[in-house]
Amino acid sequence: MTHIDAPSKAAACSAFSCAAWAAVLFFAMISLCGCTSVIDGERGLPPFVGYGPNNGTDSAHWAVRPVASYDREGDRSDFFALWPLIRSTRTATTAKDWLLPLWYDGNLKHPDGTEDHDGFVLPFFFYGDDSHEGSYFMTLPLGGVLKGILGQDHILWGAFPFFIRLIDRTRVSTHVLFPFFNRVTGPFRDGWRLWPFYGRYTATTEGGVKKYDRRYYLWPFFHAQENNLDTSRPVNARWFWPFWGDVNATTFRELAFFWPLLTYRVSKDDPRNFRFQFFPFVTRESWESPRRRIEQTDVFPIFGVKESPTYYRQYFLYPIQRRERIVSESRVKESSWILPIYWHHRAKHRVHGVEEEVRRLYPFVTYVRRKDGTRELRAFDPLPFEDGYGFERTYGKLFRIFHRVDRGLYDGTAWEVLWGLVQRESKPRKSRFSFLGGLFESRQTPGRRGWSLFWIPFGDA
């Protein structure tokens, strides 16, 4: 056994300590001497600590990755910590704070100067205040009042499930021993249920014309519904769920057996228009009418195609390969996937012709083209989506070993390797190459050249 005497051990520890302190001082010098990203202007000790740039008197940025980040631009500020667990956002009209999944608090200022404040501490407390509706508070399971949320104007809650009253404009729905007894009242609405034995709900127009009549017996087995009675396309439905169903409309009829396993719909105007489904494995639809045009053939999960004037979808061995095209009034969006390796999204705006695009060879390379013409190339990039927000600000730089941005003819290009260890920036009248945060740097402008060594400048540029 080799014996190392005490002086040798002390010398080795002293040398290691000196090397460690030298490394700390070296990286501190890089940080203090301006390790500035040519991509976004962030300074600090990348990729973990960064601050700036201050693009104006009302802007600020700092990040301690992966713990927290803060950004302020104009009247908007965002603070993220352990994202998505903690967030605080402020704008001129909104304030939002959350601690997922326990706490949320939000405030909205309306153009007329009124405010709407809502919050909760799950699963027990819900609170808020509104300039029009007043304040509210509820605690579970005891009860209280909710206002302006869950799609209702008011919700009165008393020792759930003993009493609940939901008020939406003129409609009042009262539950006693939910879900057993319910009563609905209001102008042009009426109904009640004694679950699961019987329930009936009806509605009429202001002129007294019936809009719908919906009943059930021994829920969920027997249902009878008459819908759209005030239109030219009424629909009658009868169900012995889930064994049998018959939906009879003006333009089609649909039969179901062991729903949703087997369904068949056929047009009354043209029997060639039909839809058959053996869920979820086989779907075949061919329909062409003034209100509906669609062709669909699916043998799930092996192969499927669905096409209409505004939508196209095709897949093979779902969800591995898939293509999709969506046409709206404002843009055309096309997407394709070969999971988990490759996906591509492109959107073209129909009015001004601007295109956006994202290509990924996951998780190695990402290419992005933005609305303003900026192009980005990133590697390594394991975030599986274009977040541009909490995930990007908090985690994006930790993984990115190469980043290149092309901002166009006038703003030039920039790239960096290993979080700024090596950087290059090229503009029409200026170029710069930097190594180790400026430890060595060369600069060039028209007719001038310069360089730096250990941050000491030489030359005339």
Foldseek 3Di string as FASTA:
>chain_A
DDDDDPVNVVVVVVVVVVVVVVVVVLLVCLQVLWLAAPPARWGGRPPAWTWDDDPDPFWIWIGGFQAWIWITDPQWIWIDGPPPQWIWIGHPFKTWTHGPPAKIWMKGADPVGWMWIWMGGPPFKTWIATPPLGIWIAGPPAWIKDADPPQFGIWGHGRPPAWIWTHHPFWIWIDGNPPQWIWIDGVQKTWIHGPPAKIWIWGADPVRFTAKIWMAGRPPAWIWIWHRRVDPKIWTKIGRPPAWIWIDIPFKIKIHGSPPQWIKMATPVDRVFIWIHRPPAWIFGADDDPVDGKGKTGGPPAWIWIDDPAKTKIAGNPPQWIWIWGDDPFWIKIKIHRPPAWIKIKIATPPPGFMWIWIGRPQAWIWTADRQGKIKIWGRAHPPDDDVPSCCRNPGRVGTQKMKMANDQAQGIKMAGHRSQWIWTDGPFKIKTDHSSQCWIWIDGVPWIWIDHHNRIDTDD
